[in-house]
Amino acid sequence: MILADFQACTGIENIDEAITLLEQNNWDLVAAINGVIPQENGILQSDYGGETIPGPAFDPASHPAPAPSPSSSSVFPPVMPSRQIVERQPRMLDFRVEYRDRNVDVVLEDSCTVGEIKQILENELQIPMSKMLLKGWKTGDVEDSTVLKSLHLPKNNSLYVLTPDLPPPSSSSHAGALQEFSSRYGDCHPVFFIGSLEAAFQEAFYVKARDRKLLAIYLHHDESVLTNVFCSQMLCAESIVSYLSQNFITWAWDLTKDANRARFLTMCNRHFGSVVAQTIRTQKTDQFPLFLIIMGKRSSNEVLNVIQGNTTVDELMMRLMAAMEIFTAQQQEDIKDEDEREARENVKREQDEAYRLSLEADRAKREAHEREMAEQFRLEQIRKEQEEEREAIRLSLEQALPPEPKEENAEPVSKLRIRTPSGEFLERRFLASSKLQIVFDFVASKGFPWDEFKLLSTFPRRDVTQLDPNKSLLEVKLFPQETLFLEAKE
C-alpha cells in the first residue's frame, strides 16, 4: 500500500527506484515524498491542514459533480481525493568523487548525463575529459551520454577518477627526479622533501611555533639555459645548502612537461592564490628555474619572495636571509602567542583537574554518606522488626496467661515477688499446681524473655530457669511465697 501511494504521489514508475527511495527513508511515506519533491515547492507537507495539494484537472463529463446536500455550505471547500498524482519534480543526486588526495562533491539533477559530471570535474581538477575515466558505477562502465535517471541511482553516490594517461603524483616521482638531480649536480645539494606539497606544508607550518620553518619551492625547467648554472653554482653551493638545511623545508617540482606545469599551477592557485599562479604562468622559459620562499601565516600561506634563475650566490643568500628575518619576527610572535595559549590551557587543565577531583571527592563523600545512611536504615529496620516480633510474642504470652487467682482460693496459692534489674518488683499470685513455665511466660510478658534473662533465688541460691519448666511451683519449692531476682544472661 505504501509503495503504491508513493508511486502515485511521485509519478515514479520504476518499482526498484521507488523501493530504494522508500528504504532510504525507513518506509516513511511523507519523508520519502519530501525527499523527491522538496517541501519548499509547497507540493506536499507532512501536515495538510488547510493547504491544497495540486493535482490534475478533472473532466466534468467523466466526473460529474455530486448534488449538494442540504447540510452543505459554501464556506467549506469541496473535499479533494485522498490520493492525487502530483507534478514530477527534478530529483537531485549527490556524488562524492575521489581523485588521488582530493574529494570533489557534485550535485546534479537525475536528468543530467554522465558527461556533465565530467565537465564539472574537468573544471575542478584541471583534467581533460578525454583523459578521465569515471569509475565506481554499480552497473559497470557507462557512456558519457548516459542519463543518470536510467541508472536508478540512490541519492548519495561515491565515484573515483582514473587518469592512466597522466603522470603519477609527485610523491611517487620525486625519488627518481632527485636521483637524476644527484647524478647531474653531485651529492652536495639541498635535502629535498619527498612527498606531496600538502605534506611539505604539514612538515613546515603545522607544528609547534618553535619547530616551524620556511618552505622553499624549487621549480625546475630542463629547457632553460639558466638551469645548469643555477643548480651547479648556486643551489648546490655549500653555504646555500647549509643555510637551507638549517632553516627551510625544501620541495622541488619539474615544470618541463606541460602536464606537470598545469598541475602545479592548479596547486599554486589553490594554496597561494591566483596572483602568484598568474606570476608563475607568465614566466618565460629562460627565466627559470624559480625559487619560491613561502611562510605559513596562521590560516594562509604567504609568498615572501620569487627568486629567478638569473641571480648570484650572494644575492640568493641575502634574499634567503631577508626572508628568514621576516619569518623570525613572525615566529617570535607565534611563540609568544602559543606560550600564552598553552599557559591558559594549562591553567584551565589544572582547574578542570581540581574541579574533577573535587567532584570525585564530593561523590565519594556522598556515596559514603549514602552507604552509612543505608546501613543505619537497615539496622533500624532490623531493630524495629525485632522489637515488633518481641512485642508480638510478649502480647501473645500475656494473653495466654491464666487469670491470676485470688488470695482466698480453694486451691493452694503461691505469691512471687520478682526484682527486675532496674530495682522494680513484679508481684503476682499463681496456683501452686501451676507449672514453672507459666512463671517464665509471665516474666517474658513483662519484657524479660527467659532466653535473655535468668531467674535466681537466694535461699538456696539457684538458677530457676535451669529447672524443669513442666514441674509445678510446689514441686520446685516456690511456695507459699518467694522472692526471685532477674539477671541478664552473659
Protein backbone atom coordinates (compact mmCIF):
# COMPACT_ATOMS: atom_id res chain seq x y z
CA MET A 1 0.00 0.00 0.00
CA ILE A 2 2.84 2.46 0.88
CA LEU A 3 4.66 1.61 -2.36
CA ALA A 4 1.53 2.25 -4.43
CA ASP A 5 0.85 5.56 -2.65
CA PHE A 6 4.47 6.64 -3.15
CA GLN A 7 4.37 5.85 -6.88
CA ALA A 8 1.03 7.60 -7.23
CA CYS A 9 2.27 10.76 -5.47
CA THR A 10 5.67 10.99 -7.18
CA GLY A 11 4.93 9.55 -10.60
CA ILE A 12 7.91 7.17 -10.34
CA GLU A 13 7.02 4.11 -12.39
CA ASN A 14 10.20 2.10 -11.78
CA ILE A 15 9.48 -0.19 -8.81
CA ASP A 16 13.16 -0.73 -7.91
CA GLU A 17 13.79 3.00 -7.79
CA ALA A 18 10.68 3.56 -5.67
CA ILE A 19 11.67 0.81 -3.21
CA THR A 20 15.20 2.22 -2.95
CA LEU A 21 13.87 5.69 -2.09
CA LEU A 22 11.46 4.28 0.49
CA GLU A 23 14.20 2.18 2.12
CA GLN A 24 16.42 5.25 2.39
CA ASN A 25 13.64 6.89 4.43
CA ASN A 26 12.78 3.80 6.53
CA TRP A 27 9.47 3.45 4.64
CA ASP A 28 8.26 6.83 5.92
CA LEU A 29 5.89 7.87 3.12
CA VAL A 30 5.89 11.60 3.82
CA ALA A 31 9.68 11.75 4.28
CA ALA A 32 10.26 9.79 1.06
CA ILE A 33 7.91 12.05 -0.92
CA ASN A 34 9.53 15.17 0.53
CA GLY A 35 12.92 13.75 -0.46
CA VAL A 36 11.78 13.56 -4.09
CA ILE A 37 9.53 16.63 -4.05
CA PRO A 38 11.19 19.39 -1.97
CA GLN A 39 8.95 20.92 0.71
CA GLU A 40 9.86 24.47 -0.27
CA ASN A 41 7.97 23.95 -3.54
CA GLY A 42 4.78 23.72 -1.48
CA ILE A 43 3.73 20.44 -3.11
CA LEU A 44 3.50 18.18 -0.11
CA GLN A 45 3.79 18.79 3.62
CA SER A 46 3.57 16.35 6.48
CA ASP A 47 0.59 18.33 7.84
CA TYR A 48 -2.12 19.01 5.30
CA GLY A 49 -4.00 21.48 7.50
CA GLY A 50 -5.65 23.98 5.18
CA GLU A 51 -3.21 23.57 2.27
CA THR A 52 -4.31 22.43 -1.19
CA ILE A 53 -2.32 19.73 -2.96
CA PRO A 54 -2.18 20.50 -6.67
CA GLY A 55 -3.48 17.69 -8.83
CA PRO A 56 -4.70 17.05 -12.36
CA ALA A 57 -7.80 18.81 -13.62
CA PHE A 58 -10.98 16.77 -13.72
CA ASP A 59 -13.17 16.45 -16.76
CA PRO A 60 -16.72 17.43 -15.77
CA ALA A 61 -18.12 14.93 -18.23
CA SER A 62 -16.22 11.98 -16.83
CA HIS A 63 -16.52 13.13 -13.20
CA PRO A 64 -19.98 14.61 -12.65
CA ALA A 65 -20.20 16.76 -9.56
CA PRO A 66 -22.34 15.28 -6.77
CA ALA A 67 -25.54 17.04 -5.86
CA PRO A 68 -25.08 19.33 -2.84
CA SER A 69 -26.61 18.05 0.37
CA PRO A 70 -28.87 20.24 2.46
CA SER A 71 -26.23 20.45 5.17
CA SER A 72 -23.56 21.69 2.72
CA SER A 73 -22.37 25.25 2.90
CA SER A 74 -20.30 27.35 0.53
CA VAL A 75 -17.96 28.15 3.42
CA PHE A 76 -16.34 24.70 3.15
CA PRO A 77 -14.34 23.82 0.02
CA PRO A 78 -15.06 20.54 -1.78
CA VAL A 79 -13.14 17.56 -0.40
CA MET A 80 -10.20 16.62 -2.61
CA PRO A 81 -9.47 12.95 -3.34
CA SER A 82 -7.13 11.36 -0.79
CA ARG A 83 -4.56 10.37 -3.45
CA GLN A 84 -3.53 12.58 -6.35
CA ILE A 85 -0.79 12.46 -8.97
CA VAL A 86 1.49 15.43 -8.33
CA GLU A 87 3.79 17.01 -10.87
CA ARG A 88 7.16 15.22 -11.00
CA GLN A 89 9.94 17.43 -9.63
CA PRO A 90 13.62 17.04 -10.60
CA ARG A 91 15.39 14.55 -8.34
CA MET A 92 18.79 15.72 -7.08
CA LEU A 93 21.69 13.27 -6.85
CA ASP A 94 24.79 13.77 -4.69
CA PHE A 95 28.16 12.47 -5.91
CA ARG A 96 31.43 12.40 -3.95
CA VAL A 97 34.23 11.90 -6.48
CA GLU A 98 37.69 10.88 -5.24
CA TYR A 99 40.81 11.73 -7.19
CA ARG A 100 44.17 10.95 -5.61
CA ASP A 101 44.22 13.05 -2.41
CA ARG A 102 41.12 15.13 -3.20
CA ASN A 103 37.37 14.74 -2.87
CA VAL A 104 35.01 16.73 -5.09
CA ASP A 105 31.30 17.00 -4.27
CA VAL A 106 28.94 17.25 -7.25
CA VAL A 107 25.15 17.76 -7.10
CA LEU A 108 23.12 17.24 -10.30
CA GLU A 109 19.55 16.51 -11.38
CA ASP A 110 18.88 12.94 -12.44
CA SER A 111 18.02 14.26 -15.90
CA CYS A 112 21.70 15.15 -16.47
CA THR A 113 24.24 12.90 -18.17
CA VAL A 114 27.49 11.30 -17.05
CA GLY A 115 29.34 13.68 -19.35
CA GLU A 116 28.05 16.67 -17.38
CA ILE A 117 29.67 15.23 -14.23
CA LYS A 118 32.95 15.01 -16.16
CA GLN A 119 32.60 18.63 -17.29
CA ILE A 120 32.35 19.77 -13.67
CA LEU A 121 35.32 17.59 -12.70
CA GLU A 122 37.35 18.99 -15.61
CA ASN A 123 36.96 22.49 -14.16
CA GLU A 124 37.68 21.36 -10.60
CA LEU A 125 40.59 19.00 -11.25
CA GLN A 126 42.06 20.64 -14.37
CA ILE A 127 41.98 17.26 -16.12
CA PRO A 128 40.73 16.99 -19.72
CA MET A 129 37.57 14.90 -20.11
CA SER A 130 39.30 12.81 -22.75
CA LYS A 131 41.91 11.64 -20.20
CA MET A 132 39.40 10.98 -17.43
CA LEU A 133 37.88 7.60 -16.55
CA LEU A 134 34.95 7.88 -14.12
CA LYS A 135 34.66 4.66 -12.13
CA GLY A 136 32.51 3.31 -9.31
CA TRP A 137 29.20 2.77 -11.16
CA LYS A 138 27.37 -0.27 -9.81
CA THR A 139 26.21 -1.16 -13.31
CA GLY A 140 29.75 -1.18 -14.70
CA ASP A 141 31.28 1.28 -17.15
CA VAL A 142 28.85 3.82 -18.64
CA GLU A 143 28.97 6.15 -21.62
CA ASP A 144 29.20 9.93 -21.27
CA SER A 145 25.80 10.22 -22.94
CA THR A 146 24.07 8.01 -20.35
CA VAL A 147 21.27 9.80 -18.48
CA LEU A 148 21.64 9.44 -14.72
CA LYS A 149 17.96 8.65 -14.26
CA SER A 150 18.34 5.49 -16.34
CA LEU A 151 20.93 4.14 -13.88
CA HIS A 152 18.40 4.11 -10.97
CA LEU A 153 20.94 5.58 -8.56
CA PRO A 154 20.39 6.26 -4.85
CA LYS A 155 20.57 9.84 -3.61
CA ASN A 156 24.19 9.56 -2.35
CA ASN A 157 26.89 8.04 -4.58
CA SER A 158 30.67 7.57 -4.41
CA LEU A 159 32.82 7.57 -7.57
CA TYR A 160 36.52 7.84 -8.34
CA VAL A 161 38.58 9.16 -11.25
CA LEU A 162 41.38 7.29 -13.02
CA THR A 163 43.83 9.10 -15.32
CA PRO A 164 46.02 6.41 -16.92
CA ASP A 165 47.50 8.85 -19.49
CA LEU A 166 48.69 11.39 -16.89
CA PRO A 167 51.98 11.18 -14.96
CA PRO A 168 51.86 9.80 -11.42
CA PRO A 169 51.58 12.14 -8.42
CA SER A 170 54.62 13.98 -7.14
CA SER A 171 55.26 11.68 -4.19
CA SER A 172 55.89 8.68 -6.44
CA SER A 173 58.06 10.58 -8.97
CA HIS A 174 60.20 12.53 -6.52
CA ALA A 175 62.61 9.70 -5.80
CA GLY A 176 63.51 9.28 -9.48
CA ALA A 177 63.76 13.04 -10.05
CA LEU A 178 66.04 13.52 -7.06
CA GLN A 179 68.23 10.63 -8.17
CA GLU A 180 68.56 12.33 -11.56
CA PHE A 181 69.39 15.65 -9.84
CA SER A 182 72.13 13.97 -7.77
CA SER A 183 73.64 12.30 -10.83
CA ARG A 184 73.80 15.67 -12.62
CA TYR A 185 74.98 18.01 -9.88
CA GLY A 186 76.61 15.79 -7.25
CA ASP A 187 75.76 14.84 -3.72
CA CYS A 188 76.13 18.35 -2.26
CA HIS A 189 72.60 19.65 -2.79
CA PRO A 190 69.65 20.67 -0.61
CA VAL A 191 67.77 17.92 1.17
CA PHE A 192 64.57 17.85 -0.87
CA PHE A 193 61.37 16.86 0.92
CA ILE A 194 59.89 13.70 -0.58
CA GLY A 195 56.11 13.88 -0.58
CA SER A 196 53.22 16.00 -1.74
CA LEU A 197 53.11 19.78 -1.42
CA GLU A 198 50.42 19.41 1.25
CA ALA A 199 52.73 17.10 3.21
CA ALA A 200 55.51 19.69 2.93
CA PHE A 201 53.10 22.29 4.36
CA GLN A 202 52.42 19.99 7.30
CA GLU A 203 56.14 19.49 7.92
CA ALA A 204 56.99 23.21 7.71
CA PHE A 205 53.96 25.04 9.14
CA TYR A 206 51.64 22.79 11.12
CA VAL A 207 53.94 22.05 14.03
CA LYS A 208 54.78 23.90 17.24
CA ALA A 209 55.86 27.50 16.65
CA ARG A 210 59.45 26.77 17.79
CA ASP A 211 59.76 23.96 15.24
CA ARG A 212 58.34 25.81 12.22
CA LYS A 213 60.44 26.57 9.17
CA LEU A 214 60.15 28.42 5.91
CA LEU A 215 59.20 26.44 2.81
CA ALA A 216 61.43 26.80 -0.24
CA ILE A 217 59.95 25.56 -3.53
CA TYR A 218 62.42 24.93 -6.33
CA LEU A 219 60.74 24.99 -9.77
CA HIS A 220 62.94 23.21 -12.28
CA HIS A 221 62.83 23.54 -16.08
CA ASP A 222 65.18 21.48 -18.25
CA GLU A 223 64.81 23.73 -21.31
CA SER A 224 66.04 26.88 -19.56
CA VAL A 225 69.64 27.89 -20.28
CA LEU A 226 69.98 29.09 -16.67
CA THR A 227 69.09 25.76 -15.08
CA ASN A 228 72.54 24.18 -15.20
CA VAL A 229 74.31 27.29 -13.87
CA PHE A 230 71.75 27.93 -11.12
CA CYS A 231 71.81 24.34 -9.86
CA SER A 232 75.55 23.72 -10.04
CA GLN A 233 76.88 27.10 -8.85
CA MET A 234 74.14 28.49 -6.58
CA LEU A 235 71.66 25.89 -5.38
CA CYS A 236 74.43 23.36 -4.70
CA ALA A 237 76.82 25.87 -3.15
CA GLU A 238 77.88 24.64 0.29
CA SER A 239 76.76 27.84 2.07
CA ILE A 240 73.32 27.74 0.42
CA VAL A 241 72.89 24.02 1.12
CA SER A 242 73.81 24.51 4.79
CA TYR A 243 71.52 27.52 5.23
CA LEU A 244 68.59 25.78 3.56
CA SER A 245 69.07 22.61 5.61
CA GLN A 246 69.01 24.52 8.90
CA ASN A 247 66.15 26.91 8.23
CA PHE A 248 64.00 25.61 5.36
CA ILE A 249 61.95 22.67 4.17
CA THR A 250 62.90 22.42 0.50
CA TRP A 251 60.47 20.95 -2.02
CA ALA A 252 61.07 20.57 -5.77
CA TRP A 253 58.86 20.33 -8.85
CA ASP A 254 59.73 19.87 -12.52
CA LEU A 255 57.76 22.14 -14.88
CA THR A 256 59.38 20.86 -18.08
CA LYS A 257 56.28 18.91 -19.17
CA ASP A 258 53.07 20.82 -19.83
CA ALA A 259 51.02 18.39 -17.75
CA ASN A 260 53.28 18.94 -14.74
CA ARG A 261 53.13 22.70 -15.28
CA ALA A 262 49.31 22.61 -15.36
CA ARG A 263 49.17 20.51 -12.20
CA PHE A 264 51.46 22.86 -10.30
CA LEU A 265 49.51 25.92 -11.41
CA THR A 266 46.36 24.26 -10.07
CA MET A 267 48.09 23.59 -6.73
CA CYS A 268 49.52 27.10 -6.73
CA ASN A 269 46.13 28.67 -7.34
CA ARG A 270 44.61 26.61 -4.54
CA HIS A 271 47.31 27.27 -1.94
CA PHE A 272 48.77 30.68 -2.82
CA GLY A 273 46.05 32.42 -4.79
CA SER A 274 45.52 33.46 -8.38
CA VAL A 275 48.06 36.32 -8.28
CA VAL A 276 51.00 34.01 -7.55
CA ALA A 277 49.70 31.45 -10.04
CA GLN A 278 49.48 34.15 -12.72
CA THR A 279 53.01 35.32 -11.89
CA ILE A 280 54.40 31.83 -12.47
CA ARG A 281 52.20 31.29 -15.53
CA THR A 282 53.64 34.39 -17.23
CA GLN A 283 57.28 33.45 -16.57
CA LYS A 284 59.19 32.70 -19.75
CA THR A 285 61.26 29.56 -20.09
CA ASP A 286 64.58 31.42 -19.95
CA GLN A 287 63.56 32.98 -16.60
CA PHE A 288 63.52 29.57 -14.95
CA PRO A 289 64.39 27.99 -12.60
CA LEU A 290 62.40 29.77 -9.90
CA PHE A 291 62.87 29.66 -6.15
CA LEU A 292 59.74 30.45 -4.09
CA ILE A 293 60.04 31.33 -0.39
CA ILE A 294 56.79 30.55 1.46
CA MET A 295 55.86 31.44 5.03
CA GLY A 296 52.91 29.90 6.82
CA LYS A 297 50.96 32.73 8.40
CA ARG A 298 48.16 31.42 10.59
CA SER A 299 45.41 30.26 8.20
CA SER A 300 47.11 31.39 4.96
CA ASN A 301 50.38 30.82 3.12
CA GLU A 302 52.32 33.94 2.16
CA VAL A 303 54.83 34.01 -0.72
CA LEU A 304 57.66 36.19 0.59
CA ASN A 305 59.86 36.03 -2.48
CA VAL A 306 60.03 34.70 -6.03
CA ILE A 307 63.70 34.37 -6.99
CA GLN A 308 64.52 33.94 -10.68
CA GLY A 309 67.38 31.90 -12.05
CA ASN A 310 69.47 34.89 -13.19
CA THR A 311 70.91 35.62 -9.75
CA THR A 312 74.18 35.18 -7.87
CA VAL A 313 75.11 33.19 -4.77
CA ASP A 314 75.45 36.35 -2.67
CA GLU A 315 72.14 37.76 -3.85
CA LEU A 316 70.42 34.40 -3.28
CA MET A 317 71.86 34.23 0.25
CA MET A 318 70.82 37.82 1.01
CA ARG A 319 67.25 37.16 -0.11
CA LEU A 320 67.11 33.94 1.89
CA MET A 321 68.38 35.80 4.97
CA ALA A 322 65.90 38.64 4.43
CA ALA A 323 63.05 36.13 4.27
CA MET A 324 64.44 34.45 7.38
CA GLU A 325 64.44 37.78 9.22
CA ILE A 326 60.75 38.32 8.42
CA PHE A 327 59.98 34.75 9.40
CA THR A 328 61.89 35.03 12.70
CA ALA A 329 59.93 38.13 13.73
CA GLN A 330 56.67 36.35 12.93
CA GLN A 331 57.88 33.19 14.66
CA GLN A 332 58.63 35.08 17.88
CA GLU A 333 55.09 36.46 17.90
CA ASP A 334 53.72 32.99 17.25
CA ILE A 335 55.86 31.51 20.03
CA LYS A 336 54.64 34.17 22.45
CA ASP A 337 51.01 33.57 21.45
CA GLU A 338 51.49 29.81 21.67
CA ASP A 339 53.15 30.05 25.10
CA GLU A 340 50.35 32.26 26.39
CA ARG A 341 47.77 29.91 24.94
CA GLU A 342 49.49 26.89 26.47
CA ALA A 343 49.71 28.71 29.81
CA ARG A 344 45.98 29.43 29.65
CA GLU A 345 45.29 25.85 28.66
CA ASN A 346 47.49 24.58 31.50
CA VAL A 347 45.63 26.76 33.99
CA LYS A 348 42.36 25.55 32.56
CA ARG A 349 43.53 21.93 32.69
CA GLU A 350 44.63 22.38 36.30
CA GLN A 351 41.31 24.00 37.15
CA ASP A 352 39.44 21.25 35.34
CA GLU A 353 41.51 18.61 37.15
CA ALA A 354 40.93 20.29 40.51
CA TYR A 355 37.24 20.53 39.72
CA ARG A 356 37.19 16.87 38.68
CA LEU A 357 38.97 15.81 41.87
CA SER A 358 36.57 17.96 43.89
CA LEU A 359 33.62 16.31 42.16
CA GLU A 360 35.11 12.88 42.81
CA ALA A 361 35.70 13.74 46.48
CA ASP A 362 32.16 15.07 46.81
CA ARG A 363 30.82 12.00 45.06
CA ALA A 364 32.86 9.69 47.30
CA LYS A 365 31.71 11.58 50.39
CA ARG A 366 28.13 11.49 49.18
CA GLU A 367 28.33 7.78 48.39
CA ALA A 368 29.89 7.07 51.81
CA HIS A 369 27.14 9.08 53.50
CA GLU A 370 24.51 7.26 51.45
CA ARG A 371 26.04 3.91 52.40
CA GLU A 372 26.12 4.93 56.05
CA MET A 373 22.52 6.10 55.92
CA ALA A 374 21.50 2.93 54.13
CA GLU A 375 23.26 0.82 56.78
CA GLN A 376 21.64 2.81 59.57
CA PHE A 377 18.28 2.40 57.90
CA ARG A 378 18.88 -1.34 57.51
CA LEU A 379 19.89 -1.74 61.14
CA GLU A 380 16.95 0.39 62.26
CA GLN A 381 14.62 -1.78 60.21
CA ILE A 382 16.10 -4.91 61.78
CA ARG A 383 15.76 -3.38 65.24
CA LYS A 384 12.15 -2.40 64.57
CA GLU A 385 11.36 -5.83 63.21
CA GLN A 386 12.94 -7.45 66.26
CA GLU A 387 11.05 -5.13 68.60
CA GLU A 388 7.81 -5.79 66.77
CA GLU A 389 8.48 -9.51 66.93
CA ARG A 390 9.27 -9.33 70.65
CA GLU A 391 6.19 -7.21 71.29
CA ALA A 392 4.05 -9.68 69.39
CA ILE A 393 5.49 -12.55 71.44
CA ARG A 394 5.01 -10.57 74.64
CA LEU A 395 1.38 -9.84 73.82
CA SER A 396 0.68 -13.43 72.87
CA LEU A 397 2.22 -14.65 76.13
CA GLU A 398 0.31 -12.06 78.13
CA GLN A 399 -2.96 -13.12 76.52
CA ALA A 400 -2.18 -16.80 77.07
CA LEU A 401 -1.55 -16.41 80.81
CA PRO A 402 -4.19 -17.98 83.05
CA PRO A 403 -6.08 -15.48 85.22
CA GLU A 404 -4.41 -14.50 88.49
CA PRO A 405 -6.02 -16.46 91.38
CA LYS A 406 -7.47 -14.61 94.33
CA GLU A 407 -5.75 -14.65 97.71
CA GLU A 408 -8.57 -16.65 99.22
CA ASN A 409 -8.79 -19.59 96.92
CA ALA A 410 -9.82 -23.17 97.49
CA GLU A 411 -6.52 -24.32 95.95
CA PRO A 412 -3.11 -23.50 97.39
CA VAL A 413 -1.72 -20.20 96.03
CA SER A 414 1.92 -19.19 95.67
CA LYS A 415 2.86 -15.49 95.81
CA LEU A 416 6.01 -14.48 93.93
CA ARG A 417 7.92 -11.19 94.08
CA ILE A 418 10.40 -10.74 91.22
CA ARG A 419 13.01 -7.97 91.35
CA THR A 420 13.95 -6.57 87.91
CA PRO A 421 17.46 -5.29 87.02
CA SER A 422 16.16 -1.71 87.45
CA GLY A 423 15.13 -2.39 91.04
CA GLU A 424 11.39 -2.59 90.47
CA PHE A 425 9.34 -5.54 91.68
CA LEU A 426 6.86 -7.65 89.77
CA GLU A 427 4.27 -9.32 92.02
CA ARG A 428 1.74 -11.98 91.09
CA ARG A 429 -0.13 -14.91 92.54
CA PHE A 430 -0.04 -18.33 90.92
CA LEU A 431 -1.72 -21.61 91.77
CA ALA A 432 0.76 -23.87 93.50
CA SER A 433 -0.12 -26.51 90.96
CA SER A 434 0.81 -24.21 88.06
CA LYS A 435 3.79 -25.22 86.01
CA LEU A 436 7.03 -23.26 86.25
CA GLN A 437 6.65 -22.41 82.54
CA ILE A 438 3.75 -20.07 83.43
CA VAL A 439 6.14 -18.05 85.62
CA PHE A 440 8.59 -17.85 82.72
CA ASP A 441 5.77 -16.69 80.44
CA PHE A 442 4.70 -14.06 82.96
CA VAL A 443 8.23 -12.69 83.21
CA ALA A 444 8.55 -12.70 79.39
CA SER A 445 5.20 -10.86 79.06
CA LYS A 446 6.76 -8.07 81.13
CA GLY A 447 9.64 -7.70 78.65
CA PHE A 448 12.14 -10.12 80.11
CA PRO A 449 12.27 -13.21 77.84
CA TRP A 450 13.73 -16.19 79.58
CA ASP A 451 16.29 -16.78 76.79
CA GLU A 452 17.85 -13.39 77.69
CA PHE A 453 17.30 -13.33 81.45
CA LYS A 454 17.59 -15.83 84.25
CA LEU A 455 15.60 -16.10 87.48
CA LEU A 456 17.62 -16.57 90.63
CA SER A 457 16.51 -17.50 94.13
CA THR A 458 18.60 -16.57 97.18
CA PHE A 459 17.90 -19.25 99.79
CA PRO A 460 19.11 -21.54 98.50
CA ARG A 461 20.84 -19.70 95.64
CA ARG A 462 19.89 -21.37 92.42
CA ASP A 463 19.05 -20.61 88.81
CA VAL A 464 15.35 -21.28 88.49
CA THR A 465 15.48 -21.10 84.68
CA GLN A 466 17.60 -24.26 84.74
CA LEU A 467 14.79 -26.22 86.41
CA ASP A 468 12.27 -28.36 84.57
CA PRO A 469 9.59 -25.91 83.33
CA ASN A 470 6.96 -28.66 83.43
CA LYS A 471 7.22 -29.08 87.20
CA SER A 472 4.77 -27.28 89.45
CA LEU A 473 5.67 -24.42 91.74
CA LEU A 474 5.01 -26.70 94.67
CA GLU A 475 7.48 -29.27 93.33
CA VAL A 476 10.26 -26.72 92.83
CA LYS A 477 9.54 -25.28 96.29
CA LEU A 478 8.32 -21.86 95.18
CA PHE A 479 5.51 -21.99 97.73
CA PRO A 480 3.82 -20.34 99.53
CA GLN A 481 5.83 -17.24 98.66
CA GLU A 482 9.25 -16.49 97.24
CA THR A 483 11.37 -13.54 96.19
CA LEU A 484 13.29 -14.02 92.93
CA PHE A 485 15.81 -11.85 91.07
CA LEU A 486 16.04 -11.21 87.31
CA GLU A 487 19.53 -11.08 85.95
CA ALA A 488 20.62 -10.70 82.31
CA LYS A 489 22.43 -13.65 80.84
CA GLU A 490 26.01 -13.13 79.77
